[in-house]
Amino acid sequence: MSETWHELRALLRLGGFRKLFTVRLVSQAGDGMFQVGLASLLFFSPESQGTAAAIAGAFAVMLAPFTIVGPFAGVLLDRWQRRQVLVWGNAVRLVLTLTMAGVMLAGGVGWAIYAIGLAALSVNRFLLAGLSAGLPRVVDGPLLLTANSLSPTLGAGAAFVGGGIGFVLGLAFEPGRLKDSSALVCAALVFGVASLLATRLRRTQLGPEAPAEADLRSEVAKVARGLADGARYLVARRTPGQALLAMAVHRFLYGVVFIASILISRNLLDPGSQSAGMATFAVVIGLTGAGGAVAMVLTPTLSRRTGPQGWIAVMLLLAAASQLLLVTTPDRVVVYTGAALLGLAAQGTKIAVDTIVQRDAEDEFRGRAFAFYDVLYNAAFVGAAALAAFTLPDTGWSRGVFVGLAVAYVLAALIMATRGARTPAEVPPRVRRTGGAEDAAARA
């Protein structure tokens, strides 16, 4: 811990990093407020529809930018000055967020709220990518690894704090449209501050030095081909492909439980109370995060004994146990305990999957492998929203659904434990040549 603090102090002595880091913290704090406001509007507002289909549809809207926009963000970030992306991106979010608050005050939840929310979240995806892409321009040498580790982590912490502030501010208002829009107005003000803070960086400080000039359509097509190459390579390599399949299955099943927890918090444990429902859901999220923190401690030690594939199987069985617990009763303590266990299983699985992909994907394919990983990771959650819309009751609690999820987890664990490859396979020359041709084109 002392070493981490020492390295953070060393980073903060770098003027460029300090300015970029400040933009990240403020921008993501505003993002946390915005997400709380959006969740209040779409999930817990008295005017929103509390049905399973409506909640699942809203959730899919929130995830769509990360699935669709994410892989192609780099194409534009190699053409535009990244400092300008931070300035104008936050300014655009300010306008969009104030517009959303105004629409809410004037007409309540409607199609315009979904459209503006989708636009704002898409801009946020570019901002997060721009913050990461600009980091090597203000940090170099051995501190870059530390910066890559600390910046996103502390940024996520800032988002959590911002979300908490937005939630507390909302308690000052009576339930209604004014309460629903309060966090959005606060978020817009924070976005404006982040935009101004970004102007402290020089216009060209974050790069790119030589903006890409190739045809945009060909660049987008190249990204799409890269995703397809990454998928073929992962399948041929076996171990990383199987790990990603296990991750996708778990993410898909976890997504159904996540939406169920929103419905349980809103319509079963605290029906008729927007603030109480949001507070209950906040506890569920907090306990899920606590379970994830435990996984970060246990996984590095215990997975050495089981191997990462074996650890994934153990985590999938733990996830099955969390679902069997929910089968018993929708009692508050049971829901909270299930959330903590599922958070442990989710993070433990992800750490092991990341390890397998990093270890077994060869360097020339690793970037495309992780690009495909991100798409699959978020697409599985969108698919879960579709399943939840058709299978969950509006109360969120269904003994049959939770039994089905537990069975699916057990089957995935058994397949991973008994049929999963433990060593990577040689990749056929045909697949390797495809990747090599793309890499050569990229280098040229």
Protein backbone atom coordinates (compact mmCIF):
# COMPACT_ATOMS: atom_id res chain seq x y z
CA MET A 1 0.00 0.00 0.00
CA SER A 2 2.83 2.41 0.88
CA GLU A 3 4.50 1.67 -2.46
CA THR A 4 1.28 2.45 -4.33
CA TRP A 5 0.92 5.74 -2.45
CA HIS A 6 4.55 6.61 -3.23
CA GLU A 7 4.01 5.95 -6.95
CA LEU A 8 0.80 8.01 -6.99
CA ARG A 9 2.70 10.92 -5.43
CA ALA A 10 5.38 10.54 -8.09
CA LEU A 11 2.70 10.64 -10.79
CA LEU A 12 1.06 13.73 -9.33
CA ARG A 13 4.38 15.57 -9.62
CA LEU A 14 4.00 15.29 -13.41
CA GLY A 15 2.11 18.38 -14.54
CA GLY A 16 0.52 16.80 -17.60
CA PHE A 17 -0.67 13.74 -15.69
CA ARG A 18 -2.02 15.89 -12.87
CA LYS A 19 -4.16 17.91 -15.29
CA LEU A 20 -5.41 14.85 -17.17
CA PHE A 21 -6.09 12.99 -13.92
CA THR A 22 -8.11 15.93 -12.61
CA VAL A 23 -10.23 15.91 -15.77
CA ARG A 24 -10.81 12.16 -15.32
CA LEU A 25 -11.88 12.47 -11.69
CA VAL A 26 -14.26 15.37 -12.30
CA SER A 27 -15.65 13.92 -15.53
CA GLN A 28 -16.31 10.51 -13.99
CA ALA A 29 -17.80 12.06 -10.84
CA GLY A 30 -20.28 13.79 -13.15
CA ASP A 31 -20.85 10.49 -14.93
CA GLY A 32 -21.75 8.88 -11.60
CA MET A 33 -24.31 11.63 -10.95
CA PHE A 34 -25.67 11.23 -14.46
CA GLN A 35 -26.06 7.47 -14.08
CA VAL A 36 -27.89 7.89 -10.78
CA GLY A 37 -30.21 10.42 -12.43
CA LEU A 38 -30.76 8.14 -15.40
CA ALA A 39 -31.39 5.12 -13.17
CA SER A 40 -33.86 7.18 -11.16
CA LEU A 41 -35.69 8.18 -14.34
CA LEU A 42 -35.72 4.82 -16.08
CA PHE A 43 -35.87 2.36 -13.19
CA PHE A 44 -37.35 4.00 -10.07
CA SER A 45 -39.32 7.04 -11.17
CA PRO A 46 -43.07 6.85 -10.41
CA GLU A 47 -43.63 7.86 -14.03
CA SER A 48 -41.46 5.07 -15.46
CA GLN A 49 -42.98 1.71 -16.24
CA GLY A 50 -41.84 -0.80 -13.63
CA THR A 51 -42.46 -3.84 -15.81
CA ALA A 52 -39.76 -6.37 -16.58
CA ALA A 53 -39.87 -5.50 -20.28
CA ALA A 54 -39.51 -1.75 -19.64
CA ILE A 55 -36.63 -2.16 -17.19
CA ALA A 56 -34.84 -4.59 -19.51
CA GLY A 57 -35.30 -2.28 -22.49
CA ALA A 58 -33.93 0.71 -20.58
CA PHE A 59 -30.99 -1.36 -19.44
CA ALA A 60 -30.21 -2.41 -23.02
CA VAL A 61 -30.21 1.27 -24.04
CA MET A 62 -27.66 2.07 -21.33
CA LEU A 63 -25.32 -0.71 -22.50
CA ALA A 64 -25.65 -0.25 -26.25
CA PRO A 65 -22.86 2.41 -26.56
CA PHE A 66 -20.34 0.11 -24.87
CA THR A 67 -21.24 -2.72 -27.26
CA ILE A 68 -21.55 -0.76 -30.52
CA VAL A 69 -19.50 2.42 -30.11
CA GLY A 70 -16.66 1.02 -28.00
CA PRO A 71 -14.70 -0.98 -30.62
CA PHE A 72 -14.73 1.90 -33.11
CA ALA A 73 -13.84 4.73 -30.72
CA GLY A 74 -10.14 4.39 -31.52
CA VAL A 75 -10.73 5.10 -35.21
CA LEU A 76 -11.92 8.64 -34.42
CA LEU A 77 -9.48 9.19 -31.55
CA ASP A 78 -6.64 8.67 -34.05
CA ARG A 79 -8.11 11.49 -36.19
CA TRP A 80 -9.20 14.06 -33.63
CA GLN A 81 -7.07 15.90 -31.09
CA ARG A 82 -7.80 14.03 -27.87
CA ARG A 83 -7.65 17.17 -25.76
CA GLN A 84 -10.43 18.61 -27.92
CA VAL A 85 -12.42 15.41 -27.43
CA LEU A 86 -12.27 16.02 -23.67
CA VAL A 87 -13.21 19.70 -23.99
CA TRP A 88 -16.05 19.34 -26.47
CA GLY A 89 -17.20 15.93 -25.30
CA ASN A 90 -17.92 17.23 -21.80
CA ALA A 91 -19.49 20.38 -23.25
CA VAL A 92 -21.81 18.24 -25.40
CA ARG A 93 -22.71 16.15 -22.35
CA LEU A 94 -23.56 19.34 -20.45
CA VAL A 95 -26.03 20.35 -23.18
CA LEU A 96 -27.50 16.84 -23.49
CA THR A 97 -27.92 16.44 -19.75
CA LEU A 98 -29.60 19.82 -19.25
CA THR A 99 -31.86 18.99 -22.21
CA MET A 100 -32.78 15.67 -20.60
CA ALA A 101 -33.60 17.41 -17.31
CA GLY A 102 -35.76 19.93 -19.17
CA VAL A 103 -37.58 17.21 -21.10
CA MET A 104 -38.22 15.36 -17.84
CA LEU A 105 -39.64 18.45 -16.13
CA ALA A 106 -41.83 19.25 -19.14
CA GLY A 107 -43.13 15.88 -20.21
CA GLY A 108 -41.88 13.05 -17.99
CA VAL A 109 -40.30 9.83 -19.16
CA GLY A 110 -40.73 9.23 -22.89
CA TRP A 111 -38.87 8.25 -26.03
CA ALA A 112 -36.87 11.51 -25.96
CA ILE A 113 -35.33 10.54 -22.60
CA TYR A 114 -34.10 7.26 -24.08
CA ALA A 115 -32.70 8.96 -27.19
CA ILE A 116 -30.85 11.67 -25.24
CA GLY A 117 -29.57 9.13 -22.71
CA LEU A 118 -28.21 6.95 -25.50
CA ALA A 119 -26.45 9.96 -27.06
CA ALA A 120 -24.94 11.06 -23.73
CA LEU A 121 -23.68 7.57 -22.89
CA SER A 122 -22.16 7.24 -26.37
CA VAL A 123 -20.23 10.48 -25.87
CA ASN A 124 -19.07 9.18 -22.49
CA ARG A 125 -17.66 6.08 -24.18
CA PHE A 126 -15.48 8.31 -26.40
CA LEU A 127 -14.35 10.31 -23.38
CA LEU A 128 -13.23 7.22 -21.46
CA ALA A 129 -11.33 5.97 -24.49
CA GLY A 130 -9.77 9.42 -25.00
CA LEU A 131 -8.59 9.58 -21.39
CA SER A 132 -6.86 6.22 -21.77
CA ALA A 133 -5.41 7.04 -25.20
CA GLY A 134 -3.93 10.32 -23.96
CA LEU A 135 -2.30 8.84 -20.86
CA PRO A 136 0.97 7.70 -22.54
CA ARG A 137 1.45 11.27 -23.75
CA VAL A 138 1.77 12.61 -20.19
CA VAL A 139 3.40 9.58 -18.49
CA ASP A 140 6.24 7.42 -19.73
CA GLY A 141 8.69 4.87 -18.37
CA PRO A 142 7.84 2.47 -15.52
CA LEU A 143 5.22 4.83 -14.08
CA LEU A 144 2.94 4.21 -17.08
CA LEU A 145 1.96 0.78 -15.75
CA THR A 146 1.05 2.33 -12.40
CA ALA A 147 -0.88 5.11 -14.12
CA ASN A 148 -2.84 2.57 -16.18
CA SER A 149 -3.73 0.74 -12.99
CA LEU A 150 -4.54 3.67 -10.71
CA SER A 151 -6.27 6.08 -13.09
CA PRO A 152 -9.25 3.88 -14.08
CA THR A 153 -9.58 2.54 -10.53
CA LEU A 154 -9.66 5.96 -8.90
CA GLY A 155 -11.84 7.23 -11.74
CA ALA A 156 -14.37 4.49 -10.94
CA GLY A 157 -14.15 5.56 -7.29
CA ALA A 158 -14.91 9.14 -8.33
CA ALA A 159 -17.95 7.90 -10.26
CA PHE A 160 -19.12 6.05 -7.16
CA VAL A 161 -18.71 9.17 -5.02
CA GLY A 162 -20.47 11.29 -7.63
CA GLY A 163 -23.34 8.83 -7.72
CA GLY A 164 -23.60 8.95 -3.94
CA ILE A 165 -23.70 12.75 -3.98
CA GLY A 166 -26.39 12.70 -6.66
CA PHE A 167 -28.46 10.24 -4.61
CA VAL A 168 -28.13 12.29 -1.40
CA LEU A 169 -29.04 15.52 -3.19
CA GLY A 170 -32.16 13.85 -4.50
CA LEU A 171 -33.30 13.15 -0.94
CA ALA A 172 -33.82 16.90 -0.46
CA PHE A 173 -36.78 16.85 -2.88
CA GLU A 174 -40.18 15.26 -2.66
CA PRO A 175 -40.77 12.37 -5.10
CA GLY A 176 -41.64 13.75 -8.51
CA ARG A 177 -40.16 15.24 -11.65
CA LEU A 178 -38.04 17.79 -9.79
CA LYS A 179 -36.42 15.05 -7.72
CA ASP A 180 -35.82 12.91 -10.82
CA SER A 181 -34.06 15.73 -12.65
CA SER A 182 -31.98 17.08 -9.72
CA ALA A 183 -29.06 14.66 -10.18
CA LEU A 184 -29.04 15.45 -13.92
CA VAL A 185 -28.69 19.19 -13.31
CA CYS A 186 -25.83 18.57 -10.86
CA ALA A 187 -24.15 16.25 -13.37
CA ALA A 188 -24.42 18.90 -16.12
CA LEU A 189 -22.65 21.46 -13.92
CA VAL A 190 -19.84 18.98 -13.19
CA PHE A 191 -19.47 18.23 -16.92
CA GLY A 192 -19.04 21.94 -17.52
CA VAL A 193 -16.25 22.09 -14.92
CA ALA A 194 -14.56 19.07 -16.54
CA SER A 195 -14.69 20.78 -19.95
CA LEU A 196 -13.03 23.90 -18.56
CA LEU A 197 -10.37 21.85 -16.75
CA ALA A 198 -9.47 20.12 -20.02
CA THR A 199 -8.55 23.48 -21.54
CA ARG A 200 -5.56 23.63 -19.16
CA LEU A 201 -3.92 20.97 -21.36
CA ARG A 202 -2.25 22.16 -24.55
CA ARG A 203 -4.32 21.55 -27.66
CA THR A 204 -1.89 18.95 -29.07
CA GLN A 205 -0.58 17.62 -25.75
CA LEU A 206 -2.56 14.37 -25.82
CA GLY A 207 -1.90 13.64 -29.50
CA PRO A 208 -2.13 12.22 -32.01
CA GLU A 209 1.00 13.80 -33.48
CA ALA A 210 0.07 12.73 -37.00
CA PRO A 211 -3.73 12.33 -37.24
CA ALA A 212 -4.83 9.42 -39.39
CA GLU A 213 -5.84 10.41 -42.91
CA ALA A 214 -6.98 7.08 -44.35
CA ASP A 215 -10.56 6.77 -45.58
CA LEU A 216 -12.88 6.53 -42.55
CA ARG A 217 -14.95 3.74 -44.06
CA SER A 218 -11.88 1.63 -44.71
CA GLU A 219 -10.71 2.19 -41.12
CA VAL A 220 -14.09 1.11 -39.74
CA ALA A 221 -14.02 -1.95 -42.01
CA LYS A 222 -10.52 -2.75 -40.74
CA VAL A 223 -11.76 -2.68 -37.15
CA ALA A 224 -14.62 -5.02 -38.07
CA ARG A 225 -12.18 -7.40 -39.75
CA GLY A 226 -9.94 -7.20 -36.71
CA LEU A 227 -12.82 -8.28 -34.47
CA ALA A 228 -13.55 -11.22 -36.76
CA ASP A 229 -9.84 -12.17 -36.83
CA GLY A 230 -9.72 -11.99 -33.06
CA ALA A 231 -12.72 -14.32 -32.77
CA ARG A 232 -11.21 -16.88 -35.18
CA TYR A 233 -7.88 -16.78 -33.38
CA LEU A 234 -9.45 -17.26 -29.94
CA VAL A 235 -11.39 -20.29 -31.14
CA ALA A 236 -8.31 -21.83 -32.77
CA ARG A 237 -6.13 -21.15 -29.71
CA ARG A 238 -8.72 -22.98 -27.56
CA THR A 239 -7.89 -21.90 -23.99
CA PRO A 240 -8.64 -18.17 -24.40
CA GLY A 241 -11.67 -18.93 -26.57
CA GLN A 242 -13.09 -21.33 -24.01
CA ALA A 243 -12.42 -18.86 -21.19
CA LEU A 244 -14.29 -16.13 -23.08
CA LEU A 245 -17.18 -18.50 -23.72
CA ALA A 246 -17.39 -19.20 -19.97
CA MET A 247 -17.24 -15.47 -19.29
CA ALA A 248 -20.02 -14.77 -21.81
CA VAL A 249 -22.25 -17.45 -20.29
CA HIS A 250 -21.67 -16.09 -16.81
CA ARG A 251 -22.17 -12.49 -17.92
CA PHE A 252 -25.41 -13.47 -19.68
CA LEU A 253 -26.81 -15.22 -16.59
CA TYR A 254 -25.53 -12.49 -14.26
CA GLY A 255 -27.31 -9.89 -16.36
CA VAL A 256 -30.67 -11.59 -15.76
CA VAL A 257 -30.02 -11.53 -12.01
CA PHE A 258 -28.97 -7.87 -12.17
CA ILE A 259 -32.25 -6.86 -13.81
CA ALA A 260 -34.15 -9.06 -11.36
CA SER A 261 -32.50 -7.18 -8.50
CA ILE A 262 -33.75 -3.85 -9.90
CA LEU A 263 -37.29 -5.20 -10.11
CA ILE A 264 -37.11 -6.78 -6.63
CA SER A 265 -35.81 -3.54 -5.13
CA ARG A 266 -38.45 -1.43 -6.83
CA ASN A 267 -41.56 -3.61 -6.93
CA LEU A 268 -41.18 -6.23 -4.18
CA LEU A 269 -39.07 -5.09 -1.24
CA ASP A 270 -39.99 -1.38 -1.37
CA PRO A 271 -43.08 -0.95 -3.57
CA GLY A 272 -44.38 2.58 -3.90
CA SER A 273 -41.29 4.30 -2.52
CA GLN A 274 -38.81 5.64 -5.06
CA SER A 275 -36.16 6.61 -2.49
CA ALA A 276 -36.42 3.36 -0.55
CA GLY A 277 -36.25 1.29 -3.74
CA MET A 278 -33.14 3.12 -4.91
CA ALA A 279 -31.55 2.77 -1.47
CA THR A 280 -32.22 -0.98 -1.49
CA PHE A 281 -30.73 -1.33 -4.95
CA ALA A 282 -27.71 0.74 -3.85
CA VAL A 283 -27.13 -1.76 -1.02
CA VAL A 284 -27.34 -4.62 -3.54
CA ILE A 285 -24.74 -2.91 -5.75
CA GLY A 286 -22.54 -2.16 -2.75
CA LEU A 287 -22.59 -5.77 -1.57
CA THR A 288 -21.89 -6.97 -5.11
CA GLY A 289 -18.85 -4.69 -5.14
CA ALA A 290 -17.80 -5.98 -1.71
CA GLY A 291 -17.94 -9.53 -3.05
CA GLY A 292 -15.79 -8.42 -5.97
CA ALA A 293 -13.25 -6.93 -3.56
CA VAL A 294 -13.03 -10.27 -1.73
CA ALA A 295 -12.44 -11.99 -5.08
CA MET A 296 -9.52 -9.65 -5.77
CA VAL A 297 -7.91 -10.92 -2.54
CA LEU A 298 -8.75 -14.63 -2.85
CA THR A 299 -8.26 -15.22 -6.57
CA PRO A 300 -4.49 -14.61 -6.87
CA THR A 301 -3.80 -17.06 -4.03
CA LEU A 302 -6.37 -19.82 -4.48
CA SER A 303 -6.31 -19.93 -8.28
CA ARG A 304 -2.67 -21.00 -8.12
CA ARG A 305 -3.85 -24.28 -6.57
CA THR A 306 -6.76 -24.90 -8.94
CA GLY A 307 -5.39 -23.28 -12.09
CA PRO A 308 -7.41 -20.48 -13.73
CA GLN A 309 -9.72 -22.92 -15.53
CA GLY A 310 -10.44 -24.76 -12.30
CA TRP A 311 -11.03 -21.47 -10.50
CA ILE A 312 -13.57 -20.44 -13.14
CA ALA A 313 -15.42 -23.72 -12.52
CA VAL A 314 -15.41 -23.06 -8.75
CA MET A 315 -16.73 -19.53 -9.27
CA LEU A 316 -19.50 -20.76 -11.56
CA LEU A 317 -20.55 -23.25 -8.87
CA LEU A 318 -20.56 -20.42 -6.33
CA ALA A 319 -22.79 -18.42 -8.67
CA ALA A 320 -25.13 -21.44 -8.87
CA ALA A 321 -25.25 -21.53 -5.05
CA SER A 322 -26.23 -17.84 -4.98
CA GLN A 323 -29.17 -18.61 -7.26
CA LEU A 324 -30.29 -21.58 -5.20
CA LEU A 325 -30.26 -19.27 -2.19
CA LEU A 326 -32.60 -16.89 -4.02
CA VAL A 327 -34.92 -19.80 -4.80
CA THR A 328 -35.84 -20.08 -1.11
CA THR A 329 -37.43 -16.68 -0.51
CA PRO A 330 -37.18 -13.05 -1.69
CA ASP A 331 -36.33 -11.96 1.84
CA ARG A 332 -34.09 -8.88 2.07
CA VAL A 333 -31.26 -10.71 3.84
CA VAL A 334 -31.34 -13.49 1.24
CA VAL A 335 -31.22 -10.99 -1.63
CA TYR A 336 -28.29 -9.17 -0.03
CA THR A 337 -26.37 -12.39 0.66
CA GLY A 338 -26.97 -13.63 -2.87
CA ALA A 339 -25.67 -10.32 -4.26
CA ALA A 340 -22.42 -10.60 -2.27
CA LEU A 341 -21.84 -14.21 -3.37
CA LEU A 342 -22.60 -13.41 -7.00
CA GLY A 343 -20.26 -10.40 -6.89
CA LEU A 344 -17.46 -12.65 -5.64
CA ALA A 345 -18.19 -15.18 -8.39
CA ALA A 346 -18.40 -12.51 -11.11
CA GLN A 347 -15.11 -10.82 -10.27
CA GLY A 348 -13.31 -14.11 -9.60
CA THR A 349 -14.38 -15.38 -13.01
CA LYS A 350 -13.32 -12.18 -14.75
CA ILE A 351 -9.85 -12.14 -13.14
CA ALA A 352 -9.23 -15.74 -14.21
CA VAL A 353 -10.51 -15.11 -17.74
CA ASP A 354 -8.33 -12.01 -18.08
CA THR A 355 -5.33 -14.06 -16.94
CA ILE A 356 -5.95 -16.81 -19.49
CA VAL A 357 -6.44 -14.39 -22.38
CA GLN A 358 -3.37 -12.34 -21.44
CA ARG A 359 -1.23 -15.46 -20.94
CA ASP A 360 -2.32 -17.59 -23.89
CA ALA A 361 -3.08 -15.00 -26.59
CA GLU A 362 0.09 -14.26 -28.53
CA ASP A 363 1.19 -10.65 -28.64
CA GLU A 364 0.44 -10.10 -32.32
CA PHE A 365 -3.22 -11.04 -31.71
CA ARG A 366 -3.69 -9.80 -28.16
CA GLY A 367 -5.14 -6.39 -29.06
CA ARG A 368 -7.76 -7.86 -31.37
CA ALA A 369 -8.50 -10.60 -28.85
CA PHE A 370 -9.30 -8.05 -26.14
CA ALA A 371 -11.32 -5.90 -28.56
CA PHE A 372 -13.50 -8.94 -29.26
CA TYR A 373 -13.55 -9.65 -25.51
CA ASP A 374 -15.06 -6.21 -24.80
CA VAL A 375 -17.75 -6.65 -27.44
CA LEU A 376 -18.69 -10.10 -26.16
CA TYR A 377 -18.62 -8.93 -22.54
CA ASN A 378 -21.18 -6.17 -23.14
CA ALA A 379 -23.25 -7.98 -25.78
CA ALA A 380 -23.88 -10.80 -23.32
CA PHE A 381 -25.46 -8.29 -20.93
CA VAL A 382 -27.67 -6.88 -23.70
CA GLY A 383 -28.76 -10.44 -24.50
CA ALA A 384 -29.56 -10.93 -20.83
CA ALA A 385 -31.89 -7.94 -20.98
CA ALA A 386 -33.83 -9.62 -23.80
CA LEU A 387 -34.12 -12.87 -21.82
CA ALA A 388 -35.17 -11.03 -18.66
CA ALA A 389 -37.92 -9.18 -20.52
CA PHE A 390 -39.56 -12.48 -21.48
CA THR A 391 -38.93 -14.58 -18.37
CA LEU A 392 -39.07 -12.35 -15.29
CA PRO A 393 -42.30 -11.24 -13.63
CA ASP A 394 -42.65 -7.58 -12.74
CA THR A 395 -41.76 -8.36 -9.12
CA GLY A 396 -38.38 -9.72 -10.31
CA TRP A 397 -38.63 -12.90 -8.20
CA SER A 398 -39.32 -16.21 -9.92
CA ARG A 399 -38.41 -19.54 -8.37
CA GLY A 400 -38.41 -21.18 -11.81
CA VAL A 401 -36.07 -18.57 -13.34
CA PHE A 402 -33.58 -18.82 -10.48
CA VAL A 403 -33.61 -22.62 -10.65
CA GLY A 404 -32.94 -22.41 -14.38
CA LEU A 405 -30.06 -20.00 -13.82
CA ALA A 406 -28.56 -22.30 -11.17
CA VAL A 407 -28.76 -25.30 -13.50
CA ALA A 408 -27.12 -23.32 -16.30
CA TYR A 409 -24.29 -22.27 -13.98
CA VAL A 410 -23.71 -25.87 -12.86
CA LEU A 411 -23.62 -27.15 -16.45
CA ALA A 412 -21.14 -24.43 -17.44
CA ALA A 413 -18.95 -25.31 -14.42
CA LEU A 414 -18.98 -29.03 -15.26
CA ILE A 415 -18.07 -28.40 -18.89
CA MET A 416 -15.26 -26.05 -17.88
CA ALA A 417 -13.92 -28.51 -15.29
CA THR A 418 -14.11 -31.68 -17.40
CA ARG A 419 -13.87 -30.58 -21.04
CA GLY A 420 -11.93 -27.34 -20.88
CA ALA A 421 -8.46 -27.23 -22.43
CA ARG A 422 -5.58 -26.50 -20.06
CA THR A 423 -2.89 -25.72 -22.64
CA PRO A 424 -3.22 -23.50 -25.72
CA ALA A 425 -3.35 -25.15 -29.14
CA GLU A 426 -1.19 -24.30 -32.13
CA VAL A 427 -3.00 -21.91 -34.43
CA PRO A 428 -3.41 -23.12 -38.04
CA PRO A 429 -1.33 -21.16 -40.58
CA ARG A 430 -4.47 -20.03 -42.38
CA VAL A 431 -5.72 -18.15 -39.29
CA ARG A 432 -2.24 -16.82 -38.50
CA ARG A 433 -1.77 -15.48 -42.03
CA THR A 434 -5.02 -13.51 -41.76
CA GLY A 435 -3.84 -11.83 -38.60
CA GLY A 436 -0.38 -11.20 -40.00
CA ALA A 437 -1.77 -9.50 -43.08
CA GLU A 438 -3.85 -7.14 -40.92
CA ASP A 439 -0.90 -6.33 -38.69
CA ALA A 440 1.32 -5.63 -41.68
CA ALA A 441 -1.32 -3.31 -43.10
CA ALA A 442 -1.64 -1.54 -39.77
CA ARG A 443 2.12 -1.07 -39.49
CA ALA A 444 2.34 0.27 -43.03
